[in-house]
Amino acid sequence: MDLIARAVDAGLPVLCEKPIDLDIARVEALRPRIASAGVPVALGFNRRFDPAFASARARVAAGEIGALEQLTIISRDPSAPPADYVAISGGVFRDMTIHDFDMARFFLPEIVEVSATGSTTFDAGAAQHGDFDTVVVTLRAASGALVTIVNSRHSAVGYDQRIEAFGGAGMLQVANAPTSLVSVSTATAVEAKPPYEPFFLERYATAYAAELHEFIALARGEASTSPTFDDGRAALILADAAQRSATERVVVPVDLR
């Protein structure tokens, strides 16, 4: 976060990877400085720019499935990170789930309540550093809509990235991205399909390119859909609330204003 402050003081546009910081107090202290500086600051929530996710969100906003009642976000990494990374990551909610918190707000900006649970079932690194490798989070929006986030630090089937938006008039689903659209049928298998994309660089390559395009527009003073410093702050507030909820086994109200 110190680099953000230095760049803003120098008048340089900023694209910051998530999270802004691991300490929300430092983020709150920097917030008025960012607001008054007039220097563009964007957060690297690249999944907003995935064409399928963005299409689902636009169709929800257009009312295609009626008022959004339930949103399910599934995100499972192919394998757990090294233990030395877990030690400095801030924990699964601030490191991994934070992308899903932003995606939840992409669909439902006004989140008012967080409930989370986690367990450590397979990753020695998570156990060593007091982290979770398996988590489920429920968010309540001001509208009453519910968001369920399912995370795991491993997935035998590959990089698992799915969304389901459910409303009174229908449902929208975003499936996993395969490595090929070719399937094969033989005497031993019917419509056998190739594996999913192996990890985030491949799965979100198009999203990263679109993210950079929008950041360049922002830096030029043009209209841009780049996530803001406040979007990063909101995601961190939700991550902190989830950590407290999972640790203390309580439901945590939040105010993202």
C-alpha atoms as a PDB file:
ATOM      1  CA  MET A   1       0.000   0.000   0.000  1.00  0.00           C
ATOM      2  CA  ASP A   2       2.958   2.311   0.504  1.00  0.00           C
ATOM      3  CA  LEU A   3       3.585   2.126  -3.237  1.00  0.00           C
ATOM      4  CA  ILE A   4       0.019   3.319  -3.891  1.00  0.00           C
ATOM      5  CA  ALA A   5       0.580   6.358  -1.684  1.00  0.00           C
ATOM      6  CA  ARG A   6       3.899   7.166  -3.338  1.00  0.00           C
ATOM      7  CA  ALA A   7       2.447   6.809  -6.838  1.00  0.00           C
ATOM      8  CA  VAL A   8      -0.563   8.974  -6.014  1.00  0.00           C
ATOM      9  CA  ASP A   9       1.687  11.651  -4.500  1.00  0.00           C
ATOM     10  CA  ALA A  10       3.674  11.605  -7.741  1.00  0.00           C
ATOM     11  CA  GLY A  11       0.500  11.897  -9.825  1.00  0.00           C
ATOM     12  CA  LEU A  12       0.890   8.430 -11.354  1.00  0.00           C
ATOM     13  CA  PRO A  13      -2.195   6.288 -12.128  1.00  0.00           C
ATOM     14  CA  VAL A  14      -2.244   3.059 -10.113  1.00  0.00           C
ATOM     15  CA  LEU A  15      -3.361  -0.490 -10.875  1.00  0.00           C
ATOM     16  CA  CYS A  16      -3.087  -2.432  -7.613  1.00  0.00           C
ATOM     17  CA  GLU A  17      -3.332  -6.191  -7.217  1.00  0.00           C
ATOM     18  CA  LYS A  18      -5.656  -7.459  -4.497  1.00  0.00           C
ATOM     19  CA  PRO A  19      -5.768  -6.993  -1.577  1.00  0.00           C
ATOM     20  CA  ILE A  20      -4.933  -3.314  -1.093  1.00  0.00           C
ATOM     21  CA  ASP A  21      -3.361  -4.247   2.231  1.00  0.00           C
ATOM     22  CA  LEU A  22      -3.808  -6.880   4.912  1.00  0.00           C
ATOM     23  CA  ASP A  23      -4.648  -4.194   7.488  1.00  0.00           C
ATOM     24  CA  ILE A  24      -7.994  -2.439   6.988  1.00  0.00           C
ATOM     25  CA  ALA A  25      -6.916   0.379   9.324  1.00  0.00           C
ATOM     26  CA  ARG A  26      -4.150   1.339   6.886  1.00  0.00           C
ATOM     27  CA  VAL A  27      -6.655   1.243   4.014  1.00  0.00           C
ATOM     28  CA  GLU A  28      -9.084   3.506   5.895  1.00  0.00           C
ATOM     29  CA  ALA A  29      -6.260   5.947   6.662  1.00  0.00           C
ATOM     30  CA  LEU A  30      -5.315   6.175   2.982  1.00  0.00           C
ATOM     31  CA  ARG A  31      -8.876   6.433   1.698  1.00  0.00           C
ATOM     32  CA  PRO A  32      -9.389  10.236   2.087  1.00  0.00           C
ATOM     33  CA  ARG A  33      -5.982  10.867   0.560  1.00  0.00           C
ATOM     34  CA  ILE A  34      -6.955   8.832  -2.508  1.00  0.00           C
ATOM     35  CA  ALA A  35     -10.333  10.573  -2.738  1.00  0.00           C
ATOM     36  CA  SER A  36      -8.814  14.057  -2.693  1.00  0.00           C
ATOM     37  CA  ALA A  37      -5.807  13.374  -4.922  1.00  0.00           C
ATOM     38  CA  GLY A  38      -7.724  13.082  -8.182  1.00  0.00           C
ATOM     39  CA  VAL A  39      -5.282  10.412  -9.377  1.00  0.00           C
ATOM     40  CA  PRO A  40      -6.832   7.270 -10.945  1.00  0.00           C
ATOM     41  CA  VAL A  41      -6.521   4.178  -8.737  1.00  0.00           C
ATOM     42  CA  ALA A  42      -7.848   0.825  -9.945  1.00  0.00           C
ATOM     43  CA  LEU A  43      -7.955  -2.590  -8.290  1.00  0.00           C
ATOM     44  CA  GLY A  44      -6.989  -5.786 -10.092  1.00  0.00           C
ATOM     45  CA  PHE A  45     -10.268  -7.670  -9.823  1.00  0.00           C
ATOM     46  CA  ASN A  46      -9.815  -9.180 -13.262  1.00  0.00           C
ATOM     47  CA  ARG A  47     -12.810 -11.528 -13.069  1.00  0.00           C
ATOM     48  CA  ARG A  48     -15.189  -8.635 -13.645  1.00  0.00           C
ATOM     49  CA  PHE A  49     -13.793  -8.535 -17.175  1.00  0.00           C
ATOM     50  CA  ASP A  50     -14.293 -12.213 -17.976  1.00  0.00           C
ATOM     51  CA  PRO A  51     -16.720 -12.158 -20.941  1.00  0.00           C
ATOM     52  CA  ALA A  52     -18.978 -14.888 -19.525  1.00  0.00           C
ATOM     53  CA  PHE A  53     -19.192 -13.424 -16.025  1.00  0.00           C
ATOM     54  CA  ALA A  54     -19.718  -9.916 -17.407  1.00  0.00           C
ATOM     55  CA  SER A  55     -22.474 -11.180 -19.720  1.00  0.00           C
ATOM     56  CA  ALA A  56     -24.261 -12.943 -16.853  1.00  0.00           C
ATOM     57  CA  ARG A  57     -24.112  -9.812 -14.737  1.00  0.00           C
ATOM     58  CA  ALA A  58     -25.398  -7.609 -17.581  1.00  0.00           C
ATOM     59  CA  ARG A  59     -28.299  -9.989 -18.203  1.00  0.00           C
ATOM     60  CA  VAL A  60     -29.191 -10.003 -14.505  1.00  0.00           C
ATOM     61  CA  ALA A  61     -29.095  -6.198 -14.495  1.00  0.00           C
ATOM     62  CA  ALA A  62     -31.368  -6.175 -17.569  1.00  0.00           C
ATOM     63  CA  GLY A  63     -33.969  -8.183 -15.655  1.00  0.00           C
ATOM     64  CA  GLU A  64     -33.789 -11.313 -17.802  1.00  0.00           C
ATOM     65  CA  ILE A  65     -34.249 -13.647 -14.811  1.00  0.00           C
ATOM     66  CA  GLY A  66     -36.241 -11.260 -12.641  1.00  0.00           C
ATOM     67  CA  ALA A  67     -34.966  -9.952  -9.329  1.00  0.00           C
ATOM     68  CA  LEU A  68     -31.807 -11.781  -8.259  1.00  0.00           C
ATOM     69  CA  GLU A  69     -32.591 -14.048  -5.298  1.00  0.00           C
ATOM     70  CA  GLN A  70     -29.590 -16.348  -5.062  1.00  0.00           C
ATOM     71  CA  LEU A  71     -26.043 -16.134  -6.386  1.00  0.00           C
ATOM     72  CA  THR A  72     -23.692 -19.107  -6.132  1.00  0.00           C
ATOM     73  CA  ILE A  73     -19.970 -18.645  -6.778  1.00  0.00           C
ATOM     74  CA  ILE A  74     -17.690 -21.696  -6.914  1.00  0.00           C
ATOM     75  CA  SER A  75     -13.927 -21.213  -7.005  1.00  0.00           C
ATOM     76  CA  ARG A  76     -11.481 -24.057  -6.441  1.00  0.00           C
ATOM     77  CA  ASP A  77      -7.776 -23.891  -7.159  1.00  0.00           C
ATOM     78  CA  PRO A  78      -6.079 -26.911  -8.744  1.00  0.00           C
ATOM     79  CA  SER A  79      -3.639 -27.279  -5.834  1.00  0.00           C
ATOM     80  CA  ALA A  80      -2.716 -25.640  -2.544  1.00  0.00           C
ATOM     81  CA  PRO A  81      -0.026 -22.931  -2.492  1.00  0.00           C
ATOM     82  CA  PRO A  82       3.353 -23.458  -0.795  1.00  0.00           C
ATOM     83  CA  ALA A  83       3.352 -23.195   2.997  1.00  0.00           C
ATOM     84  CA  ASP A  84       5.697 -20.194   2.951  1.00  0.00           C
ATOM     85  CA  TYR A  85       3.172 -18.347   0.769  1.00  0.00           C
ATOM     86  CA  VAL A  86       0.291 -19.225   3.104  1.00  0.00           C
ATOM     87  CA  ALA A  87       2.318 -17.704   5.946  1.00  0.00           C
ATOM     88  CA  ILE A  88       2.328 -14.238   4.340  1.00  0.00           C
ATOM     89  CA  SER A  89      -0.919 -14.385   2.358  1.00  0.00           C
ATOM     90  CA  GLY A  90      -3.243 -13.029   5.029  1.00  0.00           C
ATOM     91  CA  GLY A  91      -5.262 -16.245   4.939  1.00  0.00           C
ATOM     92  CA  VAL A  92      -7.633 -17.786   2.440  1.00  0.00           C
ATOM     93  CA  PHE A  93     -10.353 -15.125   2.796  1.00  0.00           C
ATOM     94  CA  ARG A  94      -7.995 -12.198   2.041  1.00  0.00           C
ATOM     95  CA  ASP A  95      -5.961 -14.090  -0.547  1.00  0.00           C
ATOM     96  CA  MET A  96      -8.408 -16.292  -2.463  1.00  0.00           C
ATOM     97  CA  THR A  97     -12.014 -15.580  -1.481  1.00  0.00           C
ATOM     98  CA  ILE A  98     -11.462 -11.838  -1.905  1.00  0.00           C
ATOM     99  CA  HIS A  99     -11.967 -12.293  -5.671  1.00  0.00           C
ATOM    100  CA  ASP A 100     -15.319 -13.915  -4.944  1.00  0.00           C
ATOM    101  CA  PHE A 101     -16.288 -11.140  -2.537  1.00  0.00           C
ATOM    102  CA  ASP A 102     -15.726  -8.651  -5.337  1.00  0.00           C
ATOM    103  CA  MET A 103     -17.676 -10.824  -7.776  1.00  0.00           C
ATOM    104  CA  ALA A 104     -20.543 -10.950  -5.273  1.00  0.00           C
ATOM    105  CA  ARG A 105     -20.538  -7.140  -5.133  1.00  0.00           C
ATOM    106  CA  PHE A 106     -20.345  -6.991  -8.934  1.00  0.00           C
ATOM    107  CA  PHE A 107     -23.824  -8.542  -8.918  1.00  0.00           C
ATOM    108  CA  LEU A 108     -25.070  -7.263  -5.529  1.00  0.00           C
ATOM    109  CA  PRO A 109     -23.139  -4.175  -4.340  1.00  0.00           C
ATOM    110  CA  GLU A 110     -24.953  -3.704  -1.032  1.00  0.00           C
ATOM    111  CA  ILE A 111     -23.820  -6.611   1.162  1.00  0.00           C
ATOM    112  CA  VAL A 112     -24.915  -6.202   4.793  1.00  0.00           C
ATOM    113  CA  GLU A 113     -24.105  -9.504   6.521  1.00  0.00           C
ATOM    114  CA  VAL A 114     -21.412 -12.187   6.416  1.00  0.00           C
ATOM    115  CA  SER A 115     -21.434 -15.750   7.715  1.00  0.00           C
ATOM    116  CA  ALA A 116     -18.495 -18.061   7.065  1.00  0.00           C
ATOM    117  CA  THR A 117     -17.192 -21.434   8.071  1.00  0.00           C
ATOM    118  CA  GLY A 118     -13.904 -23.107   7.264  1.00  0.00           C
ATOM    119  CA  SER A 119     -11.971 -26.293   7.846  1.00  0.00           C
ATOM    120  CA  THR A 120      -8.514 -27.663   7.247  1.00  0.00           C
ATOM    121  CA  THR A 121      -8.868 -31.109   5.754  1.00  0.00           C
ATOM    122  CA  PHE A 122      -5.867 -31.740   3.494  1.00  0.00           C
ATOM    123  CA  ASP A 123      -3.298 -28.922   3.336  1.00  0.00           C
ATOM    124  CA  ALA A 124      -0.403 -29.193   5.771  1.00  0.00           C
ATOM    125  CA  GLY A 125       0.643 -25.608   5.018  1.00  0.00           C
ATOM    126  CA  ALA A 126      -2.758 -24.254   6.019  1.00  0.00           C
ATOM    127  CA  ALA A 127      -2.693 -26.329   9.196  1.00  0.00           C
ATOM    128  CA  GLN A 128       0.810 -25.141  10.022  1.00  0.00           C
ATOM    129  CA  HIS A 129      -0.160 -21.474   9.740  1.00  0.00           C
ATOM    130  CA  GLY A 130      -3.657 -21.616  11.220  1.00  0.00           C
ATOM    131  CA  ASP A 131      -5.462 -21.140   7.923  1.00  0.00           C
ATOM    132  CA  PHE A 132      -8.341 -22.941   6.201  1.00  0.00           C
ATOM    133  CA  ASP A 133      -8.133 -24.916   2.972  1.00  0.00           C
ATOM    134  CA  THR A 134     -11.914 -25.357   2.571  1.00  0.00           C
ATOM    135  CA  VAL A 135     -14.458 -22.570   3.149  1.00  0.00           C
ATOM    136  CA  VAL A 136     -18.108 -21.731   2.565  1.00  0.00           C
ATOM    137  CA  VAL A 137     -19.380 -18.159   2.926  1.00  0.00           C
ATOM    138  CA  THR A 138     -22.931 -16.830   2.931  1.00  0.00           C
ATOM    139  CA  LEU A 139     -23.545 -13.142   2.243  1.00  0.00           C
ATOM    140  CA  ARG A 140     -26.828 -11.322   2.669  1.00  0.00           C
ATOM    141  CA  ALA A 141     -27.567  -8.339   0.446  1.00  0.00           C
ATOM    142  CA  ALA A 142     -29.694  -5.371   1.448  1.00  0.00           C
ATOM    143  CA  SER A 143     -32.350  -6.657  -0.973  1.00  0.00           C
ATOM    144  CA  GLY A 144     -32.533  -9.950   0.903  1.00  0.00           C
ATOM    145  CA  ALA A 145     -30.745 -11.849  -1.864  1.00  0.00           C
ATOM    146  CA  LEU A 146     -28.265 -14.483  -0.676  1.00  0.00           C
ATOM    147  CA  VAL A 147     -24.806 -15.239  -2.024  1.00  0.00           C
ATOM    148  CA  THR A 148     -23.072 -18.570  -1.414  1.00  0.00           C
ATOM    149  CA  ILE A 149     -19.328 -18.783  -2.029  1.00  0.00           C
ATOM    150  CA  VAL A 150     -17.654 -22.204  -2.133  1.00  0.00           C
ATOM    151  CA  ASN A 151     -13.845 -22.348  -2.079  1.00  0.00           C
ATOM    152  CA  SER A 152     -11.261 -25.089  -1.935  1.00  0.00           C
ATOM    153  CA  ARG A 153      -7.487 -24.959  -2.214  1.00  0.00           C
ATOM    154  CA  HIS A 154      -7.484 -28.084  -4.414  1.00  0.00           C
ATOM    155  CA  SER A 155      -9.510 -29.594  -7.231  1.00  0.00           C
ATOM    156  CA  ALA A 156      -8.715 -32.869  -8.947  1.00  0.00           C
ATOM    157  CA  VAL A 157     -10.740 -31.817 -12.005  1.00  0.00           C
ATOM    158  CA  GLY A 158      -8.745 -28.625 -12.646  1.00  0.00           C
ATOM    159  CA  TYR A 159      -9.402 -24.924 -12.105  1.00  0.00           C
ATOM    160  CA  ASP A 160     -13.055 -24.827 -11.067  1.00  0.00           C
ATOM    161  CA  GLN A 161     -14.713 -21.463 -11.774  1.00  0.00           C
ATOM    162  CA  ARG A 162     -18.522 -21.391 -11.978  1.00  0.00           C
ATOM    163  CA  ILE A 163     -21.384 -19.020 -11.260  1.00  0.00           C
ATOM    164  CA  GLU A 164     -25.126 -19.521 -10.978  1.00  0.00           C
ATOM    165  CA  ALA A 165     -27.534 -16.573 -10.757  1.00  0.00           C
ATOM    166  CA  PHE A 166     -31.080 -17.522  -9.790  1.00  0.00           C
ATOM    167  CA  GLY A 167     -34.111 -15.266  -9.967  1.00  0.00           C
ATOM    168  CA  GLY A 168     -37.877 -15.462  -9.949  1.00  0.00           C
ATOM    169  CA  ALA A 169     -38.047 -15.669 -13.750  1.00  0.00           C
ATOM    170  CA  GLY A 170     -35.146 -17.987 -14.465  1.00  0.00           C
ATOM    171  CA  MET A 171     -31.501 -18.837 -13.999  1.00  0.00           C
ATOM    172  CA  LEU A 172     -28.164 -17.996 -15.618  1.00  0.00           C
ATOM    173  CA  GLN A 173     -25.176 -20.322 -15.343  1.00  0.00           C
ATOM    174  CA  VAL A 174     -21.528 -19.865 -16.267  1.00  0.00           C
ATOM    175  CA  ALA A 175     -19.714 -23.170 -16.790  1.00  0.00           C
ATOM    176  CA  ASN A 176     -16.027 -23.985 -16.556  1.00  0.00           C
ATOM    177  CA  ALA A 177     -13.776 -23.197 -19.500  1.00  0.00           C
ATOM    178  CA  PRO A 178     -12.419 -26.350 -21.218  1.00  0.00           C
ATOM    179  CA  THR A 179      -9.015 -26.558 -22.851  1.00  0.00           C
ATOM    180  CA  SER A 180     -10.722 -27.640 -26.080  1.00  0.00           C
ATOM    181  CA  LEU A 181     -14.245 -27.753 -27.494  1.00  0.00           C
ATOM    182  CA  VAL A 182     -13.593 -31.178 -29.032  1.00  0.00           C
ATOM    183  CA  SER A 183     -15.153 -34.239 -27.373  1.00  0.00           C
ATOM    184  CA  VAL A 184     -14.792 -37.888 -28.291  1.00  0.00           C
ATOM    185  CA  SER A 185     -17.186 -40.843 -28.207  1.00  0.00           C
ATOM    186  CA  THR A 186     -15.921 -44.416 -28.351  1.00  0.00           C
ATOM    187  CA  ALA A 187     -16.915 -47.884 -27.198  1.00  0.00           C
ATOM    188  CA  THR A 188     -15.739 -47.015 -23.680  1.00  0.00           C
ATOM    189  CA  ALA A 189     -16.911 -43.399 -23.286  1.00  0.00           C
ATOM    190  CA  VAL A 190     -19.545 -41.088 -24.744  1.00  0.00           C
ATOM    191  CA  GLU A 191     -18.858 -37.397 -25.295  1.00  0.00           C
ATOM    192  CA  ALA A 192     -15.627 -37.570 -23.316  1.00  0.00           C
ATOM    193  CA  LYS A 193     -14.411 -34.024 -22.861  1.00  0.00           C
ATOM    194  CA  PRO A 194     -10.955 -32.480 -22.338  1.00  0.00           C
ATOM    195  CA  PRO A 195      -9.941 -31.075 -18.949  1.00  0.00           C
ATOM    196  CA  TYR A 196     -10.667 -27.568 -17.725  1.00  0.00           C
ATOM    197  CA  GLU A 197      -8.112 -24.798 -18.040  1.00  0.00           C
ATOM    198  CA  PRO A 198      -5.278 -25.547 -15.589  1.00  0.00           C
ATOM    199  CA  PHE A 199      -5.112 -22.247 -13.661  1.00  0.00           C
ATOM    200  CA  PHE A 200      -5.907 -18.545 -13.587  1.00  0.00           C
ATOM    201  CA  LEU A 201      -3.442 -17.320 -16.233  1.00  0.00           C
ATOM    202  CA  GLU A 202      -5.056 -19.500 -18.881  1.00  0.00           C
ATOM    203  CA  ARG A 203      -8.643 -19.218 -17.628  1.00  0.00           C
ATOM    204  CA  TYR A 204      -8.631 -15.445 -17.353  1.00  0.00           C
ATOM    205  CA  ALA A 205      -6.251 -14.448 -20.167  1.00  0.00           C
ATOM    206  CA  THR A 206      -8.992 -12.523 -21.992  1.00  0.00           C
ATOM    207  CA  ALA A 207     -10.104 -10.885 -18.751  1.00  0.00           C
ATOM    208  CA  TYR A 208      -6.574  -9.655 -17.994  1.00  0.00           C
ATOM    209  CA  ALA A 209      -6.327  -8.058 -21.438  1.00  0.00           C
ATOM    210  CA  ALA A 210      -9.680  -6.315 -20.971  1.00  0.00           C
ATOM    211  CA  GLU A 211      -8.669  -5.195 -17.478  1.00  0.00           C
ATOM    212  CA  LEU A 212      -5.542  -3.515 -18.871  1.00  0.00           C
ATOM    213  CA  HIS A 213      -7.558  -1.894 -21.673  1.00  0.00           C
ATOM    214  CA  GLU A 214      -9.929  -0.352 -19.123  1.00  0.00           C
ATOM    215  CA  PHE A 215      -7.053   0.797 -16.924  1.00  0.00           C
ATOM    216  CA  ILE A 216      -5.416   2.564 -19.866  1.00  0.00           C
ATOM    217  CA  ALA A 217      -8.712   4.338 -20.525  1.00  0.00           C
ATOM    218  CA  LEU A 218      -8.870   5.325 -16.857  1.00  0.00           C
ATOM    219  CA  ALA A 219      -5.305   6.661 -16.930  1.00  0.00           C
ATOM    220  CA  ARG A 220      -6.190   8.752 -19.987  1.00  0.00           C
ATOM    221  CA  GLY A 221      -9.166  10.267 -18.208  1.00  0.00           C
ATOM    222  CA  GLU A 222     -11.665   8.397 -20.372  1.00  0.00           C
ATOM    223  CA  ALA A 223     -14.754   6.487 -19.266  1.00  0.00           C
ATOM    224  CA  SER A 224     -13.691   3.246 -17.590  1.00  0.00           C
ATOM    225  CA  THR A 225     -15.239   0.306 -15.742  1.00  0.00           C
ATOM    226  CA  SER A 226     -12.109  -0.359 -13.684  1.00  0.00           C
ATOM    227  CA  PRO A 227     -12.821  -1.435 -10.091  1.00  0.00           C
ATOM    228  CA  THR A 228     -11.975   1.374  -7.695  1.00  0.00           C
ATOM    229  CA  PHE A 229     -10.028   1.793  -4.454  1.00  0.00           C
ATOM    230  CA  ASP A 230     -13.377   1.645  -2.673  1.00  0.00           C
ATOM    231  CA  ASP A 231     -14.142  -1.680  -4.353  1.00  0.00           C
ATOM    232  CA  GLY A 232     -10.879  -3.010  -2.944  1.00  0.00           C
ATOM    233  CA  ARG A 233     -11.734  -1.611   0.487  1.00  0.00           C
ATOM    234  CA  ALA A 234     -15.182  -3.236   0.415  1.00  0.00           C
ATOM    235  CA  ALA A 235     -13.756  -6.640  -0.537  1.00  0.00           C
ATOM    236  CA  LEU A 236     -11.245  -6.440   2.313  1.00  0.00           C
ATOM    237  CA  ILE A 237     -13.991  -5.534   4.797  1.00  0.00           C
ATOM    238  CA  LEU A 238     -15.890  -8.635   3.687  1.00  0.00           C
ATOM    239  CA  ALA A 239     -12.748 -10.772   3.946  1.00  0.00           C
ATOM    240  CA  ASP A 240     -12.086  -9.536   7.483  1.00  0.00           C
ATOM    241  CA  ALA A 241     -15.710 -10.201   8.428  1.00  0.00           C
ATOM    242  CA  ALA A 242     -15.497 -13.729   6.996  1.00  0.00           C
ATOM    243  CA  GLN A 243     -12.316 -14.406   8.959  1.00  0.00           C
ATOM    244  CA  ARG A 244     -14.003 -13.281  12.164  1.00  0.00           C
ATOM    245  CA  SER A 245     -17.156 -15.254  11.379  1.00  0.00           C
ATOM    246  CA  ALA A 246     -15.275 -18.486  10.679  1.00  0.00           C
ATOM    247  CA  THR A 247     -13.004 -18.092  13.701  1.00  0.00           C
ATOM    248  CA  GLU A 248     -15.610 -16.997  16.248  1.00  0.00           C
ATOM    249  CA  ARG A 249     -18.581 -18.813  14.652  1.00  0.00           C
ATOM    250  CA  VAL A 250     -20.732 -15.702  14.590  1.00  0.00           C
ATOM    251  CA  VAL A 251     -22.708 -13.815  11.941  1.00  0.00           C
ATOM    252  CA  VAL A 252     -21.030 -10.476  11.249  1.00  0.00           C
ATOM    253  CA  PRO A 253     -22.989  -7.398  10.091  1.00  0.00           C
ATOM    254  CA  VAL A 254     -21.043  -5.104   7.747  1.00  0.00           C
ATOM    255  CA  ASP A 255     -21.328  -1.521   6.565  1.00  0.00           C
ATOM    256  CA  LEU A 256     -19.492  -0.918   3.282  1.00  0.00           C
ATOM    257  CA  ARG A 257     -20.241   2.808   3.087  1.00  0.00           C
END
